[in-house]
């Protein structure tokens, strides 16, 4: 089943650009950190699935920012959004330097950026995450369960009774933020490649079983996924075979985050062919069946 809806490009005219001190920067798993800063103007605008760009203030190497998904907003005593949490994996130069920063270090941030997840219209939401792909899903899970409102104006309070996180990682020590998901009332199911926690194997094996379990679910099922492209391609195949609507959040590297540089393009179906779409403004969330995961020899782009 092809979920062919296309989101309107979201440009940078509503973003907030700020210099903010780090409130906390804590290691929560192997090479994985949760970073918090306060910026109420930005926090009130975020919806689940959007991202922000981050660079270290005064640092010229790397010069460009890096994209970080919203993990969740931070609320004050009156439950008003005042800050933002992101969870990141130490992987390159910026994240290696970021992990060494302490409270008070200043970051340059701009966001919210991109199109997030549409409000869920189903009785069961399955969120499939691989590697660091769980990061967009805490906010979406809380919103779907009706426990948190996001955006300006605030999106409708939902009531999805059954929200499941399928989370795959190499090993137990790489699982990050699991307690936060469970505390939010989300059913968490784990897969690790070495069998050190949960199911021994891949998260797509959990998804296959969960889709079979959900085949008779009344009120409909939706799937969202985030992780490496090979995992997302497998998720797209499984959901298509099960005739379940699926949206994916791509982890495409970015340079500007606002649609100028065209360095983050993805191949998206367009009629009988495909065309490039910028992940930062047309995404990062796309219908799974709209993505051309690989182009076979002789494949065509009607706009080339």
C-alpha atoms as a PDB file:
ATOM      1  CA  UNK A   1       0.000   0.000   0.000  1.00  0.00           C
ATOM      2  CA  UNK A   2       1.561   3.278  -1.098  1.00  0.00           C
ATOM      3  CA  UNK A   3       1.147   6.190   1.282  1.00  0.00           C
ATOM      4  CA  UNK A   4       1.645   8.860  -1.366  1.00  0.00           C
ATOM      5  CA  UNK A   5       0.811  12.060   0.474  1.00  0.00           C
ATOM      6  CA  UNK A   6       3.418  14.756   0.166  1.00  0.00           C
ATOM      7  CA  UNK A   7       4.139  17.360   2.802  1.00  0.00           C
ATOM      8  CA  UNK A   8       4.445  21.047   1.973  1.00  0.00           C
ATOM      9  CA  UNK A   9       8.063  22.240   2.133  1.00  0.00           C
ATOM     10  CA  UNK A  10       8.806  23.914   5.447  1.00  0.00           C
ATOM     11  CA  UNK A  11      11.183  26.801   4.979  1.00  0.00           C
ATOM     12  CA  UNK A  12      13.198  28.767   7.515  1.00  0.00           C
ATOM     13  CA  UNK A  13      10.901  31.759   7.884  1.00  0.00           C
ATOM     14  CA  UNK A  14       9.594  30.529  11.259  1.00  0.00           C
ATOM     15  CA  UNK A  15      12.844  29.325  12.818  1.00  0.00           C
ATOM     16  CA  UNK A  16      14.498  30.744  15.923  1.00  0.00           C
ATOM     17  CA  UNK A  17      18.247  31.424  15.878  1.00  0.00           C
ATOM     18  CA  UNK A  18      19.893  31.765  19.278  1.00  0.00           C
ATOM     19  CA  UNK A  19      23.094  31.448  21.283  1.00  0.00           C
ATOM     20  CA  UNK A  20      22.341  29.305  24.326  1.00  0.00           C
ATOM     21  CA  UNK A  21      24.368  27.987  27.269  1.00  0.00           C
ATOM     22  CA  UNK A  22      24.340  24.251  27.911  1.00  0.00           C
ATOM     23  CA  UNK A  23      22.231  23.355  30.961  1.00  0.00           C
ATOM     24  CA  UNK A  24      23.366  19.721  31.062  1.00  0.00           C
ATOM     25  CA  UNK A  25      25.306  17.302  28.869  1.00  0.00           C
ATOM     26  CA  UNK A  26      25.174  13.805  30.344  1.00  0.00           C
ATOM     27  CA  UNK A  27      26.341  10.427  29.103  1.00  0.00           C
ATOM     28  CA  UNK A  28      23.362   8.032  29.048  1.00  0.00           C
ATOM     29  CA  UNK A  29      24.757   5.055  27.075  1.00  0.00           C
ATOM     30  CA  UNK A  30      27.876   3.985  25.213  1.00  0.00           C
ATOM     31  CA  UNK A  31      29.084   7.100  23.351  1.00  0.00           C
ATOM     32  CA  UNK A  32      25.587   8.566  23.688  1.00  0.00           C
ATOM     33  CA  UNK A  33      24.707  11.825  25.455  1.00  0.00           C
ATOM     34  CA  UNK A  34      21.610  13.809  26.352  1.00  0.00           C
ATOM     35  CA  UNK A  35      22.112  17.554  25.973  1.00  0.00           C
ATOM     36  CA  UNK A  36      19.746  20.192  27.368  1.00  0.00           C
ATOM     37  CA  UNK A  37      19.490  23.923  26.780  1.00  0.00           C
ATOM     38  CA  UNK A  38      16.825  26.531  27.493  1.00  0.00           C
ATOM     39  CA  UNK A  39      15.141  28.503  24.724  1.00  0.00           C
ATOM     40  CA  UNK A  40      11.423  28.943  25.365  1.00  0.00           C
ATOM     41  CA  UNK A  41      10.734  30.633  22.028  1.00  0.00           C
ATOM     42  CA  UNK A  42      12.089  27.610  20.138  1.00  0.00           C
ATOM     43  CA  UNK A  43      10.653  24.982  22.485  1.00  0.00           C
ATOM     44  CA  UNK A  44       7.078  26.238  22.128  1.00  0.00           C
ATOM     45  CA  UNK A  45       7.239  25.861  18.329  1.00  0.00           C
ATOM     46  CA  UNK A  46       8.558  22.298  18.081  1.00  0.00           C
ATOM     47  CA  UNK A  47       6.408  19.360  17.002  1.00  0.00           C
ATOM     48  CA  UNK A  48       7.548  15.698  17.107  1.00  0.00           C
ATOM     49  CA  UNK A  49       9.825  14.733  14.233  1.00  0.00           C
ATOM     50  CA  UNK A  50      11.323  18.177  13.641  1.00  0.00           C
ATOM     51  CA  UNK A  51      15.008  18.920  14.162  1.00  0.00           C
ATOM     52  CA  UNK A  52      17.429  21.741  14.897  1.00  0.00           C
ATOM     53  CA  UNK A  53      20.937  22.593  13.767  1.00  0.00           C
ATOM     54  CA  UNK A  54      23.710  22.925  16.357  1.00  0.00           C
ATOM     55  CA  UNK A  55      27.220  24.324  16.213  1.00  0.00           C
ATOM     56  CA  UNK A  56      29.719  25.191  18.947  1.00  0.00           C
ATOM     57  CA  UNK A  57      29.873  28.946  19.440  1.00  0.00           C
ATOM     58  CA  UNK A  58      33.208  30.408  18.342  1.00  0.00           C
ATOM     59  CA  UNK A  59      34.429  27.096  16.899  1.00  0.00           C
ATOM     60  CA  UNK A  60      35.572  27.207  13.279  1.00  0.00           C
ATOM     61  CA  UNK A  61      36.305  23.497  12.916  1.00  0.00           C
ATOM     62  CA  UNK A  62      33.818  22.193  12.045  1.00  0.00           C
ATOM     63  CA  UNK A  63      32.428  25.417  10.654  1.00  0.00           C
ATOM     64  CA  UNK A  64      28.999  24.079   9.709  1.00  0.00           C
ATOM     65  CA  UNK A  65      26.293  22.930  12.082  1.00  0.00           C
ATOM     66  CA  UNK A  66      24.926  19.415  12.448  1.00  0.00           C
ATOM     67  CA  UNK A  67      21.272  18.266  12.639  1.00  0.00           C
ATOM     68  CA  UNK A  68      19.828  16.908  15.901  1.00  0.00           C
ATOM     69  CA  UNK A  69      16.305  15.538  16.283  1.00  0.00           C
ATOM     70  CA  UNK A  70      14.088  16.836  19.055  1.00  0.00           C
ATOM     71  CA  UNK A  71      14.122  14.237  21.848  1.00  0.00           C
ATOM     72  CA  UNK A  72      11.627  16.203  23.922  1.00  0.00           C
ATOM     73  CA  UNK A  73      10.785  19.636  25.204  1.00  0.00           C
ATOM     74  CA  UNK A  74      11.564  20.612  28.795  1.00  0.00           C
ATOM     75  CA  UNK A  75       8.705  22.034  30.880  1.00  0.00           C
ATOM     76  CA  UNK A  76       8.785  24.499  33.774  1.00  0.00           C
ATOM     77  CA  UNK A  77       6.804  24.128  37.009  1.00  0.00           C
ATOM     78  CA  UNK A  78       3.671  25.387  35.220  1.00  0.00           C
ATOM     79  CA  UNK A  79       4.177  22.874  32.377  1.00  0.00           C
ATOM     80  CA  UNK A  80       5.194  25.499  29.830  1.00  0.00           C
ATOM     81  CA  UNK A  81       7.937  24.551  27.329  1.00  0.00           C
ATOM     82  CA  UNK A  82      11.166  26.329  28.250  1.00  0.00           C
ATOM     83  CA  UNK A  83      13.912  24.095  26.891  1.00  0.00           C
ATOM     84  CA  UNK A  84      14.949  21.301  24.576  1.00  0.00           C
ATOM     85  CA  UNK A  85      16.585  17.906  25.043  1.00  0.00           C
ATOM     86  CA  UNK A  86      18.500  16.225  22.230  1.00  0.00           C
ATOM     87  CA  UNK A  87      20.188  12.836  22.344  1.00  0.00           C
ATOM     88  CA  UNK A  88      23.258  12.319  20.182  1.00  0.00           C
ATOM     89  CA  UNK A  89      25.795   9.652  19.355  1.00  0.00           C
ATOM     90  CA  UNK A  90      29.489  10.559  19.315  1.00  0.00           C
ATOM     91  CA  UNK A  91      30.383   9.869  15.727  1.00  0.00           C
ATOM     92  CA  UNK A  92      32.376  12.692  14.126  1.00  0.00           C
ATOM     93  CA  UNK A  93      34.314  15.848  14.873  1.00  0.00           C
ATOM     94  CA  UNK A  94      31.472  18.013  16.153  1.00  0.00           C
ATOM     95  CA  UNK A  95      29.878  15.386  18.384  1.00  0.00           C
ATOM     96  CA  UNK A  96      33.314  14.400  19.732  1.00  0.00           C
ATOM     97  CA  UNK A  97      33.919  18.000  20.767  1.00  0.00           C
ATOM     98  CA  UNK A  98      30.352  18.454  21.951  1.00  0.00           C
ATOM     99  CA  UNK A  99      30.673  15.504  24.344  1.00  0.00           C
ATOM    100  CA  UNK A 100      33.523  17.283  26.142  1.00  0.00           C
ATOM    101  CA  UNK A 101      31.555  20.470  26.796  1.00  0.00           C
ATOM    102  CA  UNK A 102      30.250  21.216  30.267  1.00  0.00           C
ATOM    103  CA  UNK A 103      27.403  23.280  31.694  1.00  0.00           C
ATOM    104  CA  UNK A 104      27.653  26.908  30.594  1.00  0.00           C
ATOM    105  CA  UNK A 105      29.424  26.328  27.261  1.00  0.00           C
ATOM    106  CA  UNK A 106      27.637  28.264  24.511  1.00  0.00           C
ATOM    107  CA  UNK A 107      26.057  26.731  21.415  1.00  0.00           C
ATOM    108  CA  UNK A 108      24.625  28.308  18.301  1.00  0.00           C
ATOM    109  CA  UNK A 109      21.256  26.709  17.521  1.00  0.00           C
ATOM    110  CA  UNK A 110      18.576  27.274  14.897  1.00  0.00           C
ATOM    111  CA  UNK A 111      15.198  25.605  14.541  1.00  0.00           C
ATOM    112  CA  UNK A 112      12.642  24.119  14.544  1.00  0.00           C
ATOM    113  CA  UNK A 113      13.334  22.802  11.060  1.00  0.00           C
ATOM    114  CA  UNK A 114      11.707  20.381   8.661  1.00  0.00           C
ATOM    115  CA  UNK A 115       8.332  18.679   8.626  1.00  0.00           C
ATOM    116  CA  UNK A 116       7.583  16.508  11.627  1.00  0.00           C
ATOM    117  CA  UNK A 117       5.195  13.602  12.022  1.00  0.00           C
ATOM    118  CA  UNK A 118       1.534  14.231  11.323  1.00  0.00           C
ATOM    119  CA  UNK A 119      -0.766  13.541  14.290  1.00  0.00           C
ATOM    120  CA  UNK A 120      -1.446   9.818  14.479  1.00  0.00           C
ATOM    121  CA  UNK A 121      -4.890   8.636  13.362  1.00  0.00           C
ATOM    122  CA  UNK A 122      -4.897   5.017  14.538  1.00  0.00           C
ATOM    123  CA  UNK A 123      -5.544   2.866  17.567  1.00  0.00           C
ATOM    124  CA  UNK A 124      -2.028   1.403  17.546  1.00  0.00           C
ATOM    125  CA  UNK A 125       1.219   3.228  16.774  1.00  0.00           C
ATOM    126  CA  UNK A 126       4.351   1.151  16.191  1.00  0.00           C
ATOM    127  CA  UNK A 127       7.626   3.102  16.337  1.00  0.00           C
ATOM    128  CA  UNK A 128      10.619   1.193  14.931  1.00  0.00           C
ATOM    129  CA  UNK A 129      14.067   2.533  15.791  1.00  0.00           C
ATOM    130  CA  UNK A 130      17.556   1.361  14.921  1.00  0.00           C
ATOM    131  CA  UNK A 131      20.813   2.719  16.346  1.00  0.00           C
ATOM    132  CA  UNK A 132      20.217   6.344  17.393  1.00  0.00           C
ATOM    133  CA  UNK A 133      16.849   6.320  15.590  1.00  0.00           C
ATOM    134  CA  UNK A 134      14.808   6.342  18.795  1.00  0.00           C
ATOM    135  CA  UNK A 135      15.442  10.063  19.270  1.00  0.00           C
ATOM    136  CA  UNK A 136      12.387  11.433  17.374  1.00  0.00           C
ATOM    137  CA  UNK A 137       9.974   9.070  19.082  1.00  0.00           C
ATOM    138  CA  UNK A 138       9.692  10.075  22.751  1.00  0.00           C
ATOM    139  CA  UNK A 139       7.814  13.270  21.918  1.00  0.00           C
ATOM    140  CA  UNK A 140       5.659  11.500  19.328  1.00  0.00           C
ATOM    141  CA  UNK A 141       4.807   8.759  21.811  1.00  0.00           C
ATOM    142  CA  UNK A 142       3.862  11.231  24.533  1.00  0.00           C
ATOM    143  CA  UNK A 143       1.733  13.261  22.144  1.00  0.00           C
ATOM    144  CA  UNK A 144       0.008  10.163  20.778  1.00  0.00           C
ATOM    145  CA  UNK A 145      -0.856   8.951  24.273  1.00  0.00           C
ATOM    146  CA  UNK A 146      -2.360  12.358  25.056  1.00  0.00           C
ATOM    147  CA  UNK A 147       0.261  13.220  27.688  1.00  0.00           C
ATOM    148  CA  UNK A 148       1.891  16.258  26.074  1.00  0.00           C
ATOM    149  CA  UNK A 149       0.910  18.960  23.580  1.00  0.00           C
ATOM    150  CA  UNK A 150       3.383  20.400  21.068  1.00  0.00           C
ATOM    151  CA  UNK A 151       3.565  23.322  18.653  1.00  0.00           C
ATOM    152  CA  UNK A 152       2.220  26.862  18.334  1.00  0.00           C
ATOM    153  CA  UNK A 153      -0.723  26.750  18.153  1.00  0.00           C
ATOM    154  CA  UNK A 154      -0.706  23.521  20.127  1.00  0.00           C
ATOM    155  CA  UNK A 155      -1.633  20.421  18.123  1.00  0.00           C
ATOM    156  CA  UNK A 156      -4.738  18.484  19.228  1.00  0.00           C
ATOM    157  CA  UNK A 157      -4.436  16.225  22.242  1.00  0.00           C
ATOM    158  CA  UNK A 158      -4.581  12.658  20.942  1.00  0.00           C
ATOM    159  CA  UNK A 159      -5.674   9.389  22.500  1.00  0.00           C
ATOM    160  CA  UNK A 160      -3.865   6.472  20.863  1.00  0.00           C
ATOM    161  CA  UNK A 161      -4.348   3.679  23.412  1.00  0.00           C
ATOM    162  CA  UNK A 162      -1.480   1.473  22.252  1.00  0.00           C
ATOM    163  CA  UNK A 163       1.970   2.952  21.511  1.00  0.00           C
ATOM    164  CA  UNK A 164       4.882   0.553  21.027  1.00  0.00           C
ATOM    165  CA  UNK A 165       8.588   1.271  20.611  1.00  0.00           C
ATOM    166  CA  UNK A 166      10.623  -1.411  18.852  1.00  0.00           C
ATOM    167  CA  UNK A 167      14.244  -0.484  19.550  1.00  0.00           C
ATOM    168  CA  UNK A 168      17.260  -2.250  18.086  1.00  0.00           C
ATOM    169  CA  UNK A 169      20.935  -1.739  18.939  1.00  0.00           C
ATOM    170  CA  UNK A 170      24.183  -3.673  18.741  1.00  0.00           C
ATOM    171  CA  UNK A 171      24.279  -4.407  22.474  1.00  0.00           C
ATOM    172  CA  UNK A 172      22.597  -3.513  25.765  1.00  0.00           C
ATOM    173  CA  UNK A 173      25.135  -0.818  26.633  1.00  0.00           C
ATOM    174  CA  UNK A 174      24.108   1.147  23.518  1.00  0.00           C
ATOM    175  CA  UNK A 175      20.423   1.404  24.451  1.00  0.00           C
ATOM    176  CA  UNK A 176      19.708   5.050  25.287  1.00  0.00           C
ATOM    177  CA  UNK A 177      16.682   6.618  26.954  1.00  0.00           C
ATOM    178  CA  UNK A 178      14.720   3.405  27.473  1.00  0.00           C
ATOM    179  CA  UNK A 179      13.524   4.438  30.949  1.00  0.00           C
ATOM    180  CA  UNK A 180      12.146   7.719  29.570  1.00  0.00           C
ATOM    181  CA  UNK A 181      10.001   5.805  27.079  1.00  0.00           C
ATOM    182  CA  UNK A 182       8.729   3.393  29.713  1.00  0.00           C
ATOM    183  CA  UNK A 183       7.992   6.233  32.137  1.00  0.00           C
ATOM    184  CA  UNK A 184       5.908   7.857  29.386  1.00  0.00           C
ATOM    185  CA  UNK A 185       3.689   4.760  29.231  1.00  0.00           C
ATOM    186  CA  UNK A 186       5.150   3.384  26.005  1.00  0.00           C
ATOM    187  CA  UNK A 187       5.450  -0.385  25.514  1.00  0.00           C
ATOM    188  CA  UNK A 188       9.185  -0.894  24.843  1.00  0.00           C
ATOM    189  CA  UNK A 189      10.433  -4.027  23.049  1.00  0.00           C
ATOM    190  CA  UNK A 190      14.182  -4.460  22.630  1.00  0.00           C
ATOM    191  CA  UNK A 191      16.368  -6.257  20.113  1.00  0.00           C
ATOM    192  CA  UNK A 192      20.154  -6.499  20.321  1.00  0.00           C
ATOM    193  CA  UNK A 193      22.432  -8.082  17.765  1.00  0.00           C
ATOM    194  CA  UNK A 194      24.513  -9.851  20.443  1.00  0.00           C
ATOM    195  CA  UNK A 195      21.521 -10.930  22.536  1.00  0.00           C
ATOM    196  CA  UNK A 196      22.624  -8.976  25.622  1.00  0.00           C
ATOM    197  CA  UNK A 197      19.108  -7.526  26.029  1.00  0.00           C
ATOM    198  CA  UNK A 198      15.718  -8.491  24.668  1.00  0.00           C
ATOM    199  CA  UNK A 199      15.377 -10.383  21.398  1.00  0.00           C
ATOM    200  CA  UNK A 200      18.613 -11.586  19.829  1.00  0.00           C
ATOM    201  CA  UNK A 201      18.521 -10.236  16.289  1.00  0.00           C
ATOM    202  CA  UNK A 202      17.372  -7.205  14.367  1.00  0.00           C
ATOM    203  CA  UNK A 203      14.608  -4.738  15.094  1.00  0.00           C
ATOM    204  CA  UNK A 204      12.951  -5.643  11.789  1.00  0.00           C
ATOM    205  CA  UNK A 205      12.348  -9.124  13.201  1.00  0.00           C
ATOM    206  CA  UNK A 206      10.460  -7.511  16.088  1.00  0.00           C
ATOM    207  CA  UNK A 207       8.496  -5.452  13.575  1.00  0.00           C
ATOM    208  CA  UNK A 208       7.523  -8.507  11.535  1.00  0.00           C
ATOM    209  CA  UNK A 209       6.179 -10.188  14.669  1.00  0.00           C
ATOM    210  CA  UNK A 210       4.420  -7.018  15.827  1.00  0.00           C
ATOM    211  CA  UNK A 211       2.725  -6.556  12.448  1.00  0.00           C
ATOM    212  CA  UNK A 212       1.465 -10.143  12.582  1.00  0.00           C
ATOM    213  CA  UNK A 213       0.193  -9.523  16.113  1.00  0.00           C
ATOM    214  CA  UNK A 214      -1.513  -6.310  14.933  1.00  0.00           C
ATOM    215  CA  UNK A 215      -3.229  -7.804  11.883  1.00  0.00           C
ATOM    216  CA  UNK A 216      -6.616  -7.879  13.592  1.00  0.00           C
ATOM    217  CA  UNK A 217      -6.215  -4.635  15.554  1.00  0.00           C
ATOM    218  CA  UNK A 218      -9.393  -2.603  15.408  1.00  0.00           C
ATOM    219  CA  UNK A 219      -9.119   1.067  14.559  1.00  0.00           C
ATOM    220  CA  UNK A 220      -6.035   0.698  12.407  1.00  0.00           C
ATOM    221  CA  UNK A 221      -2.280   0.546  12.782  1.00  0.00           C
ATOM    222  CA  UNK A 222       0.387   3.046  11.757  1.00  0.00           C
ATOM    223  CA  UNK A 223       4.146   2.572  11.694  1.00  0.00           C
ATOM    224  CA  UNK A 224       6.888   5.189  11.918  1.00  0.00           C
ATOM    225  CA  UNK A 225      10.568   4.356  11.625  1.00  0.00           C
ATOM    226  CA  UNK A 226      13.970   5.970  11.960  1.00  0.00           C
ATOM    227  CA  UNK A 227      17.406   4.427  11.552  1.00  0.00           C
ATOM    228  CA  UNK A 228      19.954   3.460   8.901  1.00  0.00           C
ATOM    229  CA  UNK A 229      18.708   3.305   5.307  1.00  0.00           C
ATOM    230  CA  UNK A 230      18.989  -0.523   4.979  1.00  0.00           C
ATOM    231  CA  UNK A 231      16.765  -0.883   8.036  1.00  0.00           C
ATOM    232  CA  UNK A 232      14.272   1.656   6.690  1.00  0.00           C
ATOM    233  CA  UNK A 233      14.161  -0.113   3.348  1.00  0.00           C
ATOM    234  CA  UNK A 234      13.339  -3.378   5.149  1.00  0.00           C
ATOM    235  CA  UNK A 235      10.659  -1.609   7.221  1.00  0.00           C
ATOM    236  CA  UNK A 236       9.164  -0.179   4.037  1.00  0.00           C
ATOM    237  CA  UNK A 237       8.971  -3.649   2.505  1.00  0.00           C
ATOM    238  CA  UNK A 238       7.410  -5.239   5.594  1.00  0.00           C
ATOM    239  CA  UNK A 239       4.759  -2.549   6.006  1.00  0.00           C
ATOM    240  CA  UNK A 240       3.929  -2.592   2.302  1.00  0.00           C
ATOM    241  CA  UNK A 241       3.402  -6.360   2.446  1.00  0.00           C
ATOM    242  CA  UNK A 242       1.232  -5.935   5.555  1.00  0.00           C
ATOM    243  CA  UNK A 243      -0.693  -3.065   3.919  1.00  0.00           C
ATOM    244  CA  UNK A 244       0.065  -0.761   6.848  1.00  0.00           C
ATOM    245  CA  UNK A 245       0.764   2.942   6.398  1.00  0.00           C
ATOM    246  CA  UNK A 246       4.349   3.849   7.288  1.00  0.00           C
ATOM    247  CA  UNK A 247       6.341   7.051   7.501  1.00  0.00           C
ATOM    248  CA  UNK A 248      10.107   7.209   7.870  1.00  0.00           C
ATOM    249  CA  UNK A 249      12.403   9.870   9.288  1.00  0.00           C
ATOM    250  CA  UNK A 250      15.602   9.955   7.248  1.00  0.00           C
ATOM    251  CA  UNK A 251      19.029  10.392   8.861  1.00  0.00           C
ATOM    252  CA  UNK A 252      20.499  12.207   5.852  1.00  0.00           C
ATOM    253  CA  UNK A 253      23.629  14.306   6.589  1.00  0.00           C
ATOM    254  CA  UNK A 254      22.983  18.044   6.272  1.00  0.00           C
ATOM    255  CA  UNK A 255      25.055  21.195   5.983  1.00  0.00           C
ATOM    256  CA  UNK A 256      22.653  24.155   6.276  1.00  0.00           C
ATOM    257  CA  UNK A 257      19.305  22.702   7.380  1.00  0.00           C
ATOM    258  CA  UNK A 258      17.327  25.376   5.534  1.00  0.00           C
ATOM    259  CA  UNK A 259      17.221  24.151   1.938  1.00  0.00           C
ATOM    260  CA  UNK A 260      20.023  26.241   0.440  1.00  0.00           C
ATOM    261  CA  UNK A 261      22.895  23.811  -0.145  1.00  0.00           C
ATOM    262  CA  UNK A 262      21.026  20.783  -1.602  1.00  0.00           C
ATOM    263  CA  UNK A 263      23.458  18.427   0.155  1.00  0.00           C
ATOM    264  CA  UNK A 264      20.726  16.364   1.849  1.00  0.00           C
ATOM    265  CA  UNK A 265      18.630  15.242  -1.095  1.00  0.00           C
ATOM    266  CA  UNK A 266      16.706  11.977  -1.142  1.00  0.00           C
ATOM    267  CA  UNK A 267      15.208  10.169  -4.144  1.00  0.00           C
ATOM    268  CA  UNK A 268      11.428  10.488  -3.930  1.00  0.00           C
ATOM    269  CA  UNK A 269       8.891   9.054  -6.365  1.00  0.00           C
ATOM    270  CA  UNK A 270       7.365  11.592  -8.731  1.00  0.00           C
ATOM    271  CA  UNK A 271       4.824  10.142 -11.155  1.00  0.00           C
ATOM    272  CA  UNK A 272       6.408   7.290 -13.098  1.00  0.00           C
ATOM    273  CA  UNK A 273       9.939   8.369 -12.218  1.00  0.00           C
ATOM    274  CA  UNK A 274      11.623  10.013  -9.266  1.00  0.00           C
ATOM    275  CA  UNK A 275      13.104  13.361  -8.363  1.00  0.00           C
ATOM    276  CA  UNK A 276      15.308  14.717  -5.630  1.00  0.00           C
ATOM    277  CA  UNK A 277      13.729  16.228  -2.508  1.00  0.00           C
ATOM    278  CA  UNK A 278      15.600  18.079   0.210  1.00  0.00           C
ATOM    279  CA  UNK A 279      15.408  16.177   3.472  1.00  0.00           C
ATOM    280  CA  UNK A 280      15.681  19.402   5.480  1.00  0.00           C
ATOM    281  CA  UNK A 281      12.624  21.166   4.040  1.00  0.00           C
ATOM    282  CA  UNK A 282      10.479  18.489   2.338  1.00  0.00           C
ATOM    283  CA  UNK A 283      11.403  15.983   5.075  1.00  0.00           C
ATOM    284  CA  UNK A 284      12.916  14.567   7.175  1.00  0.00           C
ATOM    285  CA  UNK A 285       9.638  12.623   7.417  1.00  0.00           C
ATOM    286  CA  UNK A 286       8.422  10.959   4.216  1.00  0.00           C
ATOM    287  CA  UNK A 287       5.934   8.257   3.298  1.00  0.00           C
ATOM    288  CA  UNK A 288       7.989   5.067   3.285  1.00  0.00           C
ATOM    289  CA  UNK A 289       6.746   3.964  -0.133  1.00  0.00           C
ATOM    290  CA  UNK A 290       7.630   7.320  -1.667  1.00  0.00           C
ATOM    291  CA  UNK A 291      11.367   6.768  -1.151  1.00  0.00           C
ATOM    292  CA  UNK A 292      13.467   5.193  -3.896  1.00  0.00           C
ATOM    293  CA  UNK A 293      15.845   3.246  -1.680  1.00  0.00           C
ATOM    294  CA  UNK A 294      18.121   2.206  -4.531  1.00  0.00           C
ATOM    295  CA  UNK A 295      18.283   2.953  -8.237  1.00  0.00           C
ATOM    296  CA  UNK A 296      18.872  -0.093 -10.424  1.00  0.00           C
ATOM    297  CA  UNK A 297      20.985   0.149 -13.576  1.00  0.00           C
ATOM    298  CA  UNK A 298      18.792   1.556 -16.316  1.00  0.00           C
ATOM    299  CA  UNK A 299      16.469   3.208 -13.796  1.00  0.00           C
ATOM    300  CA  UNK A 300      15.285   6.625 -14.889  1.00  0.00           C
ATOM    301  CA  UNK A 301      14.705  10.042 -13.459  1.00  0.00           C
ATOM    302  CA  UNK A 302      12.114  11.760 -15.640  1.00  0.00           C
ATOM    303  CA  UNK A 303      13.465  15.145 -14.610  1.00  0.00           C
ATOM    304  CA  UNK A 304      17.113  14.417 -15.302  1.00  0.00           C
END
